[in-house]
């Protein structure tokens, strides 16, 4: 398959803009969620990791990445808490201090996260 010079430049520019938007929205920090939990989030480029602590009722970990305007994460409860579920969650950043769940599976409880 042959690409024209203009097509290659367009691909490079779109890739650069996507990477820049992901890194410009740095989520690293401590977040409080509507389920009462505290979430410790780390962003590395377009990848997102978290540990969520619900004070004994649940503890979970998640890994995912930016996909355009949202973040898709796979999460699982860990033995520190009583819950034993897993699933997927899709988040949207409403502003730099607020994340909102667009979709969640596995009975995930939180719907809103606020940066602390």
PDB file of N, CA and C in Angstrom:
ATOM      1  N   UNK A   1       0.844  -1.159   0.000  1.00  0.00           N
ATOM      2  CA  UNK A   1       0.000   0.000   0.000  1.00  0.00           C
ATOM      3  C   UNK A   1       0.897   1.233   0.000  1.00  0.00           C
ATOM      4  N   UNK A   2       0.619   2.189  -0.851  1.00  0.00           N
ATOM      5  CA  UNK A   2       1.420   3.404  -0.946  1.00  0.00           C
ATOM      6  C   UNK A   2       0.653   4.561  -0.340  1.00  0.00           C
ATOM      7  N   UNK A   3       1.368   5.353   0.437  1.00  0.00           N
ATOM      8  CA  UNK A   3       0.792   6.551   1.026  1.00  0.00           C
ATOM      9  C   UNK A   3       1.392   7.770   0.347  1.00  0.00           C
ATOM     10  N   UNK A   4       0.580   8.778   0.166  1.00  0.00           N
ATOM     11  CA  UNK A   4       1.100  10.037  -0.356  1.00  0.00           C
ATOM     12  C   UNK A   4       1.785  10.771   0.780  1.00  0.00           C
ATOM     13  N   UNK A   5       2.598  11.728   0.438  1.00  0.00           N
ATOM     14  CA  UNK A   5       3.297  12.525   1.450  1.00  0.00           C
ATOM     15  C   UNK A   5       2.294  13.233   2.355  1.00  0.00           C
ATOM     16  N   UNK A   6       1.222  13.768   1.778  1.00  0.00           N
ATOM     17  CA  UNK A   6       0.198  14.466   2.567  1.00  0.00           C
ATOM     18  C   UNK A   6      -0.483  13.513   3.544  1.00  0.00           C
ATOM     19  N   UNK A   7      -0.747  12.270   3.119  1.00  0.00           N
ATOM     20  CA  UNK A   7      -1.389  11.301   3.999  1.00  0.00           C
ATOM     21  C   UNK A   7      -0.476  10.942   5.164  1.00  0.00           C
ATOM     22  N   UNK A   8       0.794  10.753   4.910  1.00  0.00           N
ATOM     23  CA  UNK A   8       1.741  10.445   5.979  1.00  0.00           C
ATOM     24  C   UNK A   8       1.851  11.590   6.978  1.00  0.00           C
ATOM     25  N   UNK A   9       1.891  12.816   6.469  1.00  0.00           N
ATOM     26  CA  UNK A   9       1.949  13.983   7.359  1.00  0.00           C
ATOM     27  C   UNK A   9       0.689  14.046   8.214  1.00  0.00           C
ATOM     28  N   UNK A  10      -0.473  13.790   7.621  1.00  0.00           N
ATOM     29  CA  UNK A  10      -1.726  13.806   8.371  1.00  0.00           C
ATOM     30  C   UNK A  10      -1.727  12.751   9.469  1.00  0.00           C
ATOM     31  N   UNK A  11      -1.236  11.551   9.173  1.00  0.00           N
ATOM     32  CA  UNK A  11      -1.176  10.477  10.175  1.00  0.00           C
ATOM     33  C   UNK A  11      -0.273  10.882  11.330  1.00  0.00           C
ATOM     34  N   UNK A  12       0.876  11.447  11.030  1.00  0.00           N
ATOM     35  CA  UNK A  12       1.807  11.881  12.075  1.00  0.00           C
ATOM     36  C   UNK A  12       1.183  12.985  12.928  1.00  0.00           C
ATOM     37  N   UNK A  13       0.523  13.955  12.314  1.00  0.00           N
ATOM     38  CA  UNK A  13      -0.095  15.056  13.067  1.00  0.00           C
ATOM     39  C   UNK A  13      -1.221  14.562  13.965  1.00  0.00           C
ATOM     40  N   UNK A  14      -2.067  13.684  13.463  1.00  0.00           N
ATOM     41  CA  UNK A  14      -3.151  13.145  14.283  1.00  0.00           C
ATOM     42  C   UNK A  14      -2.586  12.365  15.469  1.00  0.00           C
ATOM     43  N   UNK A  15      -1.566  11.552  15.230  1.00  0.00           N
ATOM     44  CA  UNK A  15      -0.934  10.797  16.319  1.00  0.00           C
ATOM     45  C   UNK A  15      -0.331  11.731  17.358  1.00  0.00           C
ATOM     46  N   UNK A  16       0.335  12.769  16.922  1.00  0.00           N
ATOM     47  CA  UNK A  16       0.958  13.732  17.842  1.00  0.00           C
ATOM     48  C   UNK A  16      -0.098  14.456  18.666  1.00  0.00           C
ATOM     49  N   UNK A  17      -1.191  14.861  18.026  1.00  0.00           N
ATOM     50  CA  UNK A  17      -2.259  15.551  18.757  1.00  0.00           C
ATOM     51  C   UNK A  17      -2.911  14.637  19.779  1.00  0.00           C
ATOM     52  N   UNK A  18      -3.126  13.368  19.425  1.00  0.00           N
ATOM     53  CA  UNK A  18      -3.730  12.436  20.362  1.00  0.00           C
ATOM     54  C   UNK A  18      -2.835  12.240  21.578  1.00  0.00           C
ATOM     55  N   UNK A  19      -1.553  12.046  21.346  1.00  0.00           N
ATOM     56  CA  UNK A  19      -0.605  11.862  22.461  1.00  0.00           C
ATOM     57  C   UNK A  19      -0.536  13.119  23.314  1.00  0.00           C
ATOM     58  N   UNK A  20      -0.546  14.284  22.697  1.00  0.00           N
ATOM     59  CA  UNK A  20      -0.476  15.542  23.441  1.00  0.00           C
ATOM     60  C   UNK A  20      -1.718  15.729  24.292  1.00  0.00           C
ATOM     61  N   UNK A  21      -2.910  15.396  23.765  1.00  0.00           N
ATOM     62  CA  UNK A  21      -4.129  15.579  24.548  1.00  0.00           C
ATOM     63  C   UNK A  21      -4.157  14.629  25.737  1.00  0.00           C
ATOM     64  N   UNK A  22      -3.667  13.405  25.571  1.00  0.00           N
ATOM     65  CA  UNK A  22      -3.641  12.455  26.679  1.00  0.00           C
ATOM     66  C   UNK A  22      -2.691  12.932  27.769  1.00  0.00           C
ATOM     67  N   UNK A  23      -1.500  13.364  27.397  1.00  0.00           N
ATOM     68  CA  UNK A  23      -0.538  13.779  28.413  1.00  0.00           C
ATOM     69  C   UNK A  23      -0.885  15.142  28.998  1.00  0.00           C
ATOM     70  N   UNK A  24      -1.632  15.982  28.277  1.00  0.00           N
ATOM     71  CA  UNK A  24      -2.026  17.294  28.790  1.00  0.00           C
ATOM     72  C   UNK A  24      -3.056  17.145  29.901  1.00  0.00           C
ATOM     73  N   UNK A  25      -3.775  16.042  29.934  1.00  0.00           N
ATOM     74  CA  UNK A  25      -4.808  15.799  30.927  1.00  0.00           C
ATOM     75  C   UNK A  25      -4.262  14.861  31.994  1.00  0.00           C
ATOM     76  N   UNK A  26      -3.253  15.282  32.714  1.00  0.00           N
ATOM     77  CA  UNK A  26      -2.602  14.400  33.682  1.00  0.00           C
ATOM     78  C   UNK A  26      -3.535  14.109  34.855  1.00  0.00           C
ATOM     79  N   UNK A  27      -3.872  12.848  35.044  1.00  0.00           N
ATOM     80  CA  UNK A  27      -4.779  12.419  36.103  1.00  0.00           C
ATOM     81  C   UNK A  27      -4.060  12.046  37.388  1.00  0.00           C
ATOM     82  N   UNK A  28      -2.740  12.010  37.383  1.00  0.00           N
ATOM     83  CA  UNK A  28      -1.982  11.555  38.543  1.00  0.00           C
ATOM     84  C   UNK A  28      -2.368  12.353  39.790  1.00  0.00           C
ATOM     85  N   UNK A  29      -2.744  11.622  40.835  1.00  0.00           N
ATOM     86  CA  UNK A  29      -3.108  12.267  42.093  1.00  0.00           C
ATOM     87  C   UNK A  29      -4.087  11.427  42.882  1.00  0.00           C
ATOM     88  N   UNK A  30      -4.628  12.038  43.928  1.00  0.00           N
ATOM     89  CA  UNK A  30      -5.603  11.386  44.804  1.00  0.00           C
ATOM     90  C   UNK A  30      -6.985  11.921  44.440  1.00  0.00           C
ATOM     91  N   UNK A  31      -7.922  11.000  44.261  1.00  0.00           N
ATOM     92  CA  UNK A  31      -9.289  11.345  43.866  1.00  0.00           C
ATOM     93  C   UNK A  31     -10.264  10.728  44.868  1.00  0.00           C
ATOM     94  N   UNK A  32     -11.340  11.429  45.170  1.00  0.00           N
ATOM     95  CA  UNK A  32     -12.414  10.933  46.033  1.00  0.00           C
ATOM     96  C   UNK A  32     -13.618  10.641  45.147  1.00  0.00           C
ATOM     97  N   UNK A  33     -14.258   9.483  45.333  1.00  0.00           N
ATOM     98  CA  UNK A  33     -15.357   9.087  44.464  1.00  0.00           C
ATOM     99  C   UNK A  33     -16.698   9.056  45.201  1.00  0.00           C
ATOM    100  N   UNK A  34     -17.767   9.019  44.416  1.00  0.00           N
ATOM    101  CA  UNK A  34     -19.127   9.028  44.959  1.00  0.00           C
ATOM    102  C   UNK A  34     -19.472   7.746  45.727  1.00  0.00           C
ATOM    103  N   UNK A  35     -18.653   6.708  45.627  1.00  0.00           N
ATOM    104  CA  UNK A  35     -18.858   5.482  46.415  1.00  0.00           C
ATOM    105  C   UNK A  35     -18.182   5.569  47.778  1.00  0.00           C
ATOM    106  N   UNK A  36     -17.592   6.732  48.107  1.00  0.00           N
ATOM    107  CA  UNK A  36     -16.910   6.926  49.379  1.00  0.00           C
ATOM    108  C   UNK A  36     -15.459   6.500  49.361  1.00  0.00           C
ATOM    109  N   UNK A  37     -15.008   5.935  48.265  1.00  0.00           N
ATOM    110  CA  UNK A  37     -13.637   5.454  48.174  1.00  0.00           C
ATOM    111  C   UNK A  37     -12.641   6.539  47.808  1.00  0.00           C
ATOM    112  N   UNK A  38     -11.395   6.244  48.099  1.00  0.00           N
ATOM    113  CA  UNK A  38     -10.279   7.090  47.705  1.00  0.00           C
ATOM    114  C   UNK A  38      -9.510   6.342  46.628  1.00  0.00           C
ATOM    115  N   UNK A  39      -9.242   7.014  45.525  1.00  0.00           N
ATOM    116  CA  UNK A  39      -8.575   6.404  44.377  1.00  0.00           C
ATOM    117  C   UNK A  39      -7.235   7.092  44.153  1.00  0.00           C
ATOM    118  N   UNK A  40      -6.195   6.291  44.107  1.00  0.00           N
ATOM    119  CA  UNK A  40      -4.846   6.775  43.865  1.00  0.00           C
ATOM    120  C   UNK A  40      -4.536   6.482  42.401  1.00  0.00           C
ATOM    121  N   UNK A  41      -4.520   7.528  41.597  1.00  0.00           N
ATOM    122  CA  UNK A  41      -4.404   7.367  40.148  1.00  0.00           C
ATOM    123  C   UNK A  41      -3.024   7.797  39.686  1.00  0.00           C
ATOM    124  N   UNK A  42      -2.464   7.021  38.765  1.00  0.00           N
ATOM    125  CA  UNK A  42      -1.169   7.336  38.148  1.00  0.00           C
ATOM    126  C   UNK A  42      -1.342   7.268  36.639  1.00  0.00           C
ATOM    127  N   UNK A  43      -0.959   8.341  35.968  1.00  0.00           N
ATOM    128  CA  UNK A  43      -0.992   8.365  34.510  1.00  0.00           C
ATOM    129  C   UNK A  43       0.432   8.383  33.982  1.00  0.00           C
ATOM    130  N   UNK A  44       0.711   7.522  33.018  1.00  0.00           N
ATOM    131  CA  UNK A  44       2.011   7.467  32.350  1.00  0.00           C
ATOM    132  C   UNK A  44       1.719   7.554  30.856  1.00  0.00           C
ATOM    133  N   UNK A  45       1.929   8.724  30.277  1.00  0.00           N
ATOM    134  CA  UNK A  45       1.558   8.930  28.875  1.00  0.00           C
ATOM    135  C   UNK A  45       0.062   8.761  28.728  1.00  0.00           C
ATOM    136  N   UNK A  46      -0.378   7.875  27.845  1.00  0.00           N
ATOM    137  CA  UNK A  46      -1.795   7.612  27.645  1.00  0.00           C
ATOM    138  C   UNK A  46      -2.338   6.478  28.491  1.00  0.00           C
ATOM    139  N   UNK A  47      -1.480   5.845  29.330  1.00  0.00           N
ATOM    140  CA  UNK A  47      -1.906   4.742  30.189  1.00  0.00           C
ATOM    141  C   UNK A  47      -2.320   5.265  31.559  1.00  0.00           C
ATOM    142  N   UNK A  48      -3.337   4.614  32.149  1.00  0.00           N
ATOM    143  CA  UNK A  48      -3.858   5.020  33.452  1.00  0.00           C
ATOM    144  C   UNK A  48      -3.921   3.785  34.357  1.00  0.00           C
ATOM    145  N   UNK A  49      -3.427   3.945  35.593  1.00  0.00           N
ATOM    146  CA  UNK A  49      -3.445   2.889  36.605  1.00  0.00           C
ATOM    147  C   UNK A  49      -4.120   3.460  37.844  1.00  0.00           C
ATOM    148  N   UNK A  50      -4.809   2.609  38.617  1.00  0.00           N
ATOM    149  CA  UNK A  50      -5.326   3.101  39.892  1.00  0.00           C
ATOM    150  C   UNK A  50      -5.411   2.008  40.928  1.00  0.00           C
ATOM    151  N   UNK A  51      -5.427   2.469  42.184  1.00  0.00           N
ATOM    152  CA  UNK A  51      -5.771   1.636  43.329  1.00  0.00           C
ATOM    153  C   UNK A  51      -6.905   2.352  44.030  1.00  0.00           C
ATOM    154  N   UNK A  52      -8.040   1.667  44.185  1.00  0.00           N
ATOM    155  CA  UNK A  52      -9.192   2.243  44.867  1.00  0.00           C
ATOM    156  C   UNK A  52      -9.373   1.587  46.218  1.00  0.00           C
ATOM    157  N   UNK A  53      -9.532   2.409  47.264  1.00  0.00           N
ATOM    158  CA  UNK A  53      -9.661   1.903  48.626  1.00  0.00           C
ATOM    159  C   UNK A  53     -10.975   2.360  49.232  1.00  0.00           C
ATOM    160  N   UNK A  54     -11.815   1.384  49.545  1.00  0.00           N
ATOM    161  CA  UNK A  54     -13.111   1.670  50.153  1.00  0.00           C
ATOM    162  C   UNK A  54     -13.158   1.379  51.630  1.00  0.00           C
ATOM    163  N   UNK A  55     -12.006   1.413  52.292  1.00  0.00           N
ATOM    164  CA  UNK A  55     -11.962   1.261  53.743  1.00  0.00           C
ATOM    165  C   UNK A  55     -12.435  -0.082  54.265  1.00  0.00           C
ATOM    166  N   UNK A  56     -12.177  -1.158  53.562  1.00  0.00           N
ATOM    167  CA  UNK A  56     -12.550  -2.495  54.022  1.00  0.00           C
ATOM    168  C   UNK A  56     -13.716  -3.095  53.261  1.00  0.00           C
ATOM    169  N   UNK A  57     -14.615  -2.257  52.745  1.00  0.00           N
ATOM    170  CA  UNK A  57     -15.741  -2.810  51.980  1.00  0.00           C
ATOM    171  C   UNK A  57     -15.307  -3.208  50.574  1.00  0.00           C
ATOM    172  N   UNK A  58     -14.345  -2.479  50.012  1.00  0.00           N
ATOM    173  CA  UNK A  58     -13.791  -2.856  48.709  1.00  0.00           C
ATOM    174  C   UNK A  58     -12.402  -2.274  48.546  1.00  0.00           C
ATOM    175  N   UNK A  59     -11.637  -2.916  47.724  1.00  0.00           N
ATOM    176  CA  UNK A  59     -10.352  -2.414  47.239  1.00  0.00           C
ATOM    177  C   UNK A  59     -10.211  -2.946  45.823  1.00  0.00           C
ATOM    178  N   UNK A  60      -9.813  -2.072  44.899  1.00  0.00           N
ATOM    179  CA  UNK A  60      -9.674  -2.536  43.523  1.00  0.00           C
ATOM    180  C   UNK A  60      -8.481  -1.894  42.845  1.00  0.00           C
ATOM    181  N   UNK A  61      -8.085  -2.530  41.772  1.00  0.00           N
ATOM    182  CA  UNK A  61      -7.034  -1.997  40.915  1.00  0.00           C
ATOM    183  C   UNK A  61      -7.608  -1.908  39.507  1.00  0.00           C
ATOM    184  N   UNK A  62      -7.038  -0.999  38.722  1.00  0.00           N
ATOM    185  CA  UNK A  62      -7.509  -0.843  37.348  1.00  0.00           C
ATOM    186  C   UNK A  62      -6.346  -0.444  36.455  1.00  0.00           C
ATOM    187  N   UNK A  63      -6.474  -0.817  35.200  1.00  0.00           N
ATOM    188  CA  UNK A  63      -5.512  -0.424  34.180  1.00  0.00           C
ATOM    189  C   UNK A  63      -6.286  -0.115  32.905  1.00  0.00           C
ATOM    190  N   UNK A  64      -5.888   0.956  32.237  1.00  0.00           N
ATOM    191  CA  UNK A  64      -6.525   1.295  30.973  1.00  0.00           C
ATOM    192  C   UNK A  64      -5.773   2.400  30.269  1.00  0.00           C
ATOM    193  N   UNK A  65      -6.455   3.015  29.305  1.00  0.00           N
ATOM    194  CA  UNK A  65      -5.798   4.058  28.530  1.00  0.00           C
ATOM    195  C   UNK A  65      -6.822   4.995  27.896  1.00  0.00           C
ATOM    196  N   UNK A  66      -6.322   6.154  27.492  1.00  0.00           N
ATOM    197  CA  UNK A  66      -7.149   7.125  26.793  1.00  0.00           C
ATOM    198  C   UNK A  66      -7.524   6.575  25.424  1.00  0.00           C
ATOM    199  N   UNK A  67      -8.773   6.778  25.044  1.00  0.00           N
ATOM    200  CA  UNK A  67      -9.265   6.460  23.706  1.00  0.00           C
ATOM    201  C   UNK A  67     -10.059   7.674  23.239  1.00  0.00           C
ATOM    202  N   UNK A  68      -9.383   8.608  22.608  1.00  0.00           N
ATOM    203  CA  UNK A  68     -10.051   9.838  22.169  1.00  0.00           C
ATOM    204  C   UNK A  68     -10.464  10.677  23.357  1.00  0.00           C
ATOM    205  N   UNK A  69     -11.778  10.898  23.527  1.00  0.00           N
ATOM    206  CA  UNK A  69     -12.276  11.769  24.596  1.00  0.00           C
ATOM    207  C   UNK A  69     -12.600  11.020  25.877  1.00  0.00           C
ATOM    208  N   UNK A  70     -12.308   9.721  25.955  1.00  0.00           N
ATOM    209  CA  UNK A  70     -12.625   8.972  27.163  1.00  0.00           C
ATOM    210  C   UNK A  70     -11.464   8.056  27.572  1.00  0.00           C
ATOM    211  N   UNK A  71     -11.631   7.471  28.764  1.00  0.00           N
ATOM    212  CA  UNK A  71     -10.631   6.563  29.320  1.00  0.00           C
ATOM    213  C   UNK A  71     -11.321   5.221  29.538  1.00  0.00           C
ATOM    214  N   UNK A  72     -10.783   4.162  28.972  1.00  0.00           N
ATOM    215  CA  UNK A  72     -11.340   2.821  29.131  1.00  0.00           C
ATOM    216  C   UNK A  72     -10.420   2.037  30.074  1.00  0.00           C
ATOM    217  N   UNK A  73     -11.003   1.533  31.182  1.00  0.00           N
ATOM    218  CA  UNK A  73     -10.241   0.804  32.194  1.00  0.00           C
ATOM    219  C   UNK A  73     -10.850  -0.571  32.445  1.00  0.00           C
ATOM    220  N   UNK A  74      -9.982  -1.541  32.707  1.00  0.00           N
ATOM    221  CA  UNK A  74     -10.395  -2.852  33.193  1.00  0.00           C
ATOM    222  C   UNK A  74     -10.046  -2.867  34.676  1.00  0.00           C
ATOM    223  N   UNK A  75     -10.997  -3.230  35.515  1.00  0.00           N
ATOM    224  CA  UNK A  75     -10.784  -3.184  36.955  1.00  0.00           C
ATOM    225  C   UNK A  75     -11.101  -4.544  37.582  1.00  0.00           C
ATOM    226  N   UNK A  76     -10.531  -4.755  38.780  1.00  0.00           N
ATOM    227  CA  UNK A  76     -10.803  -5.979  39.543  1.00  0.00           C
ATOM    228  C   UNK A  76     -10.630  -5.688  41.022  1.00  0.00           C
ATOM    229  N   UNK A  77     -11.525  -6.236  41.838  1.00  0.00           N
ATOM    230  CA  UNK A  77     -11.359  -6.146  43.287  1.00  0.00           C
ATOM    231  C   UNK A  77     -10.180  -7.001  43.706  1.00  0.00           C
ATOM    232  N   UNK A  78      -9.500  -6.583  44.766  1.00  0.00           N
ATOM    233  CA  UNK A  78      -8.378  -7.335  45.325  1.00  0.00           C
ATOM    234  C   UNK A  78      -8.722  -7.718  46.761  1.00  0.00           C
ATOM    235  N   UNK A  79      -8.044  -8.727  47.331  1.00  0.00           N
ATOM    236  CA  UNK A  79      -8.426  -9.291  48.625  1.00  0.00           C
ATOM    237  C   UNK A  79      -8.372  -8.360  49.839  1.00  0.00           C
ATOM    238  N   UNK A  80      -7.900  -7.149  49.712  1.00  0.00           N
ATOM    239  CA  UNK A  80      -7.881  -6.239  50.868  1.00  0.00           C
ATOM    240  C   UNK A  80      -9.290  -5.903  51.344  1.00  0.00           C
ATOM    241  N   UNK A  81     -10.253  -5.854  50.422  1.00  0.00           N
ATOM    242  CA  UNK A  81     -11.648  -5.566  50.763  1.00  0.00           C
ATOM    243  C   UNK A  81     -12.504  -6.809  50.649  1.00  0.00           C
ATOM    244  N   UNK A  82     -13.801  -6.667  50.986  1.00  0.00           N
ATOM    245  CA  UNK A  82     -14.719  -7.809  50.982  1.00  0.00           C
ATOM    246  C   UNK A  82     -15.264  -8.133  49.588  1.00  0.00           C
ATOM    247  N   UNK A  83     -15.335  -7.162  48.704  1.00  0.00           N
ATOM    248  CA  UNK A  83     -15.928  -7.371  47.376  1.00  0.00           C
ATOM    249  C   UNK A  83     -15.031  -8.231  46.489  1.00  0.00           C
ATOM    250  N   UNK A  84     -15.655  -8.973  45.569  1.00  0.00           N
ATOM    251  CA  UNK A  84     -14.924  -9.842  44.644  1.00  0.00           C
ATOM    252  C   UNK A  84     -15.541  -9.752  43.250  1.00  0.00           C
ATOM    253  N   UNK A  85     -15.429  -8.595  42.643  1.00  0.00           N
ATOM    254  CA  UNK A  85     -15.992  -8.388  41.308  1.00  0.00           C
ATOM    255  C   UNK A  85     -14.913  -7.905  40.359  1.00  0.00           C
ATOM    256  N   UNK A  86     -15.292  -7.775  39.104  1.00  0.00           N
ATOM    257  CA  UNK A  86     -14.383  -7.238  38.091  1.00  0.00           C
ATOM    258  C   UNK A  86     -15.220  -6.772  36.914  1.00  0.00           C
ATOM    259  N   UNK A  87     -14.637  -5.921  36.086  1.00  0.00           N
ATOM    260  CA  UNK A  87     -15.374  -5.444  34.920  1.00  0.00           C
ATOM    261  C   UNK A  87     -14.612  -4.375  34.171  1.00  0.00           C
ATOM    262  N   UNK A  88     -15.373  -3.582  33.450  1.00  0.00           N
ATOM    263  CA  UNK A  88     -14.804  -2.496  32.655  1.00  0.00           C
ATOM    264  C   UNK A  88     -15.534  -1.209  33.011  1.00  0.00           C
ATOM    265  N   UNK A  89     -14.812  -0.108  32.954  1.00  0.00           N
ATOM    266  CA  UNK A  89     -15.416   1.196  33.209  1.00  0.00           C
ATOM    267  C   UNK A  89     -14.891   2.186  32.177  1.00  0.00           C
ATOM    268  N   UNK A  90     -15.762   3.031  31.695  1.00  0.00           N
ATOM    269  CA  UNK A  90     -15.394   4.063  30.733  1.00  0.00           C
ATOM    270  C   UNK A  90     -15.661   5.414  31.398  1.00  0.00           C
ATOM    271  N   UNK A  91     -14.618   6.238  31.490  1.00  0.00           N
ATOM    272  CA  UNK A  91     -14.707   7.540  32.150  1.00  0.00           C
ATOM    273  C   UNK A  91     -14.549   8.675  31.153  1.00  0.00           C
ATOM    274  N   UNK A  92     -15.188   9.793  31.468  1.00  0.00           N
ATOM    275  CA  UNK A  92     -15.030  11.020  30.703  1.00  0.00           C
ATOM    276  C   UNK A  92     -14.551  12.099  31.663  1.00  0.00           C
ATOM    277  N   UNK A  93     -13.574  12.889  31.236  1.00  0.00           N
ATOM    278  CA  UNK A  93     -13.093  13.993  32.061  1.00  0.00           C
ATOM    279  C   UNK A  93     -13.952  15.222  31.757  1.00  0.00           C
ATOM    280  N   UNK A  94     -14.806  15.605  32.720  1.00  0.00           N
ATOM    281  CA  UNK A  94     -15.646  16.790  32.532  1.00  0.00           C
ATOM    282  C   UNK A  94     -14.820  18.063  32.625  1.00  0.00           C
ATOM    283  N   UNK A  95     -13.855  18.040  33.530  1.00  0.00           N
ATOM    284  CA  UNK A  95     -12.894  19.136  33.680  1.00  0.00           C
ATOM    285  C   UNK A  95     -11.682  18.550  34.392  1.00  0.00           C
ATOM    286  N   UNK A  96     -10.587  19.299  34.564  1.00  0.00           N
ATOM    287  CA  UNK A  96      -9.379  18.709  35.157  1.00  0.00           C
ATOM    288  C   UNK A  96      -9.549  18.137  36.565  1.00  0.00           C
ATOM    289  N   UNK A  97     -10.624  18.480  37.247  1.00  0.00           N
ATOM    290  CA  UNK A  97     -10.837  17.983  38.599  1.00  0.00           C
ATOM    291  C   UNK A  97     -12.027  17.066  38.758  1.00  0.00           C
ATOM    292  N   UNK A  98     -12.635  16.621  37.655  1.00  0.00           N
ATOM    293  CA  UNK A  98     -13.849  15.799  37.753  1.00  0.00           C
ATOM    294  C   UNK A  98     -13.912  14.764  36.632  1.00  0.00           C
ATOM    295  N   UNK A  99     -14.047  13.491  37.055  1.00  0.00           N
ATOM    296  CA  UNK A  99     -14.251  12.375  36.131  1.00  0.00           C
ATOM    297  C   UNK A  99     -15.654  11.827  36.348  1.00  0.00           C
ATOM    298  N   UNK A 100     -16.300  11.408  35.263  1.00  0.00           N
ATOM    299  CA  UNK A 100     -17.647  10.847  35.348  1.00  0.00           C
ATOM    300  C   UNK A 100     -17.683   9.531  34.580  1.00  0.00           C
ATOM    301  N   UNK A 101     -18.320   8.517  35.175  1.00  0.00           N
ATOM    302  CA  UNK A 101     -18.457   7.221  34.514  1.00  0.00           C
ATOM    303  C   UNK A 101     -19.520   7.315  33.427  1.00  0.00           C
ATOM    304  N   UNK A 102     -19.131   6.970  32.229  1.00  0.00           N
ATOM    305  CA  UNK A 102     -20.080   6.902  31.113  1.00  0.00           C
ATOM    306  C   UNK A 102     -20.742   5.519  31.095  1.00  0.00           C
ATOM    307  N   UNK A 103     -19.957   4.497  31.450  1.00  0.00           N
ATOM    308  CA  UNK A 103     -20.451   3.118  31.449  1.00  0.00           C
ATOM    309  C   UNK A 103     -19.602   2.315  32.417  1.00  0.00           C
ATOM    310  N   UNK A 104     -20.227   1.368  33.145  1.00  0.00           N
ATOM    311  CA  UNK A 104     -19.488   0.501  34.063  1.00  0.00           C
ATOM    312  C   UNK A 104     -20.146  -0.868  34.101  1.00  0.00           C
ATOM    313  N   UNK A 105     -19.328  -1.912  34.188  1.00  0.00           N
ATOM    314  CA  UNK A 105     -19.848  -3.271  34.316  1.00  0.00           C
ATOM    315  C   UNK A 105     -19.325  -3.892  35.610  1.00  0.00           C
ATOM    316  N   UNK A 106     -19.896  -5.027  36.000  1.00  0.00           N
ATOM    317  CA  UNK A 106     -19.439  -5.747  37.185  1.00  0.00           C
ATOM    318  C   UNK A 106     -19.955  -5.181  38.495  1.00  0.00           C
ATOM    319  N   UNK A 107     -20.938  -4.290  38.437  1.00  0.00           N
ATOM    320  CA  UNK A 107     -21.484  -3.709  39.662  1.00  0.00           C
ATOM    321  C   UNK A 107     -20.645  -2.599  40.256  1.00  0.00           C
ATOM    322  N   UNK A 108     -19.802  -1.971  39.445  1.00  0.00           N
ATOM    323  CA  UNK A 108     -18.958  -0.885  39.959  1.00  0.00           C
ATOM    324  C   UNK A 108     -19.837   0.236  40.498  1.00  0.00           C
ATOM    325  N   UNK A 109     -19.547   0.716  41.718  1.00  0.00           N
ATOM    326  CA  UNK A 109     -20.439   1.648  42.411  1.00  0.00           C
ATOM    327  C   UNK A 109     -20.242   3.122  42.130  1.00  0.00           C
ATOM    328  N   UNK A 110     -19.016   3.565  41.956  1.00  0.00           N
ATOM    329  CA  UNK A 110     -18.753   5.005  41.810  1.00  0.00           C
ATOM    330  C   UNK A 110     -19.216   5.512  40.449  1.00  0.00           C
ATOM    331  N   UNK A 111     -19.683   6.745  40.418  1.00  0.00           N
ATOM    332  CA  UNK A 111     -20.084   7.391  39.171  1.00  0.00           C
ATOM    333  C   UNK A 111     -19.353   8.702  38.936  1.00  0.00           C
ATOM    334  N   UNK A 112     -18.852   9.337  40.023  1.00  0.00           N
ATOM    335  CA  UNK A 112     -18.171  10.633  39.915  1.00  0.00           C
ATOM    336  C   UNK A 112     -16.920  10.605  40.784  1.00  0.00           C
ATOM    337  N   UNK A 113     -15.801  11.124  40.253  1.00  0.00           N
ATOM    338  CA  UNK A 113     -14.536  11.263  40.972  1.00  0.00           C
ATOM    339  C   UNK A 113     -14.160  12.736  40.991  1.00  0.00           C
ATOM    340  N   UNK A 114     -13.679  13.202  42.145  1.00  0.00           N
ATOM    341  CA  UNK A 114     -13.238  14.587  42.301  1.00  0.00           C
ATOM    342  C   UNK A 114     -11.803  14.597  42.783  1.00  0.00           C
ATOM    343  N   UNK A 115     -10.966  15.372  42.103  1.00  0.00           N
ATOM    344  CA  UNK A 115      -9.542  15.456  42.476  1.00  0.00           C
ATOM    345  C   UNK A 115      -9.418  16.134  43.839  1.00  0.00           C
ATOM    346  N   UNK A 116      -8.583  15.559  44.707  1.00  0.00           N
ATOM    347  CA  UNK A 116      -8.361  16.112  46.058  1.00  0.00           C
ATOM    348  C   UNK A 116      -7.160  17.025  46.078  1.00  0.00           C
TER     349      UNK A 116
END
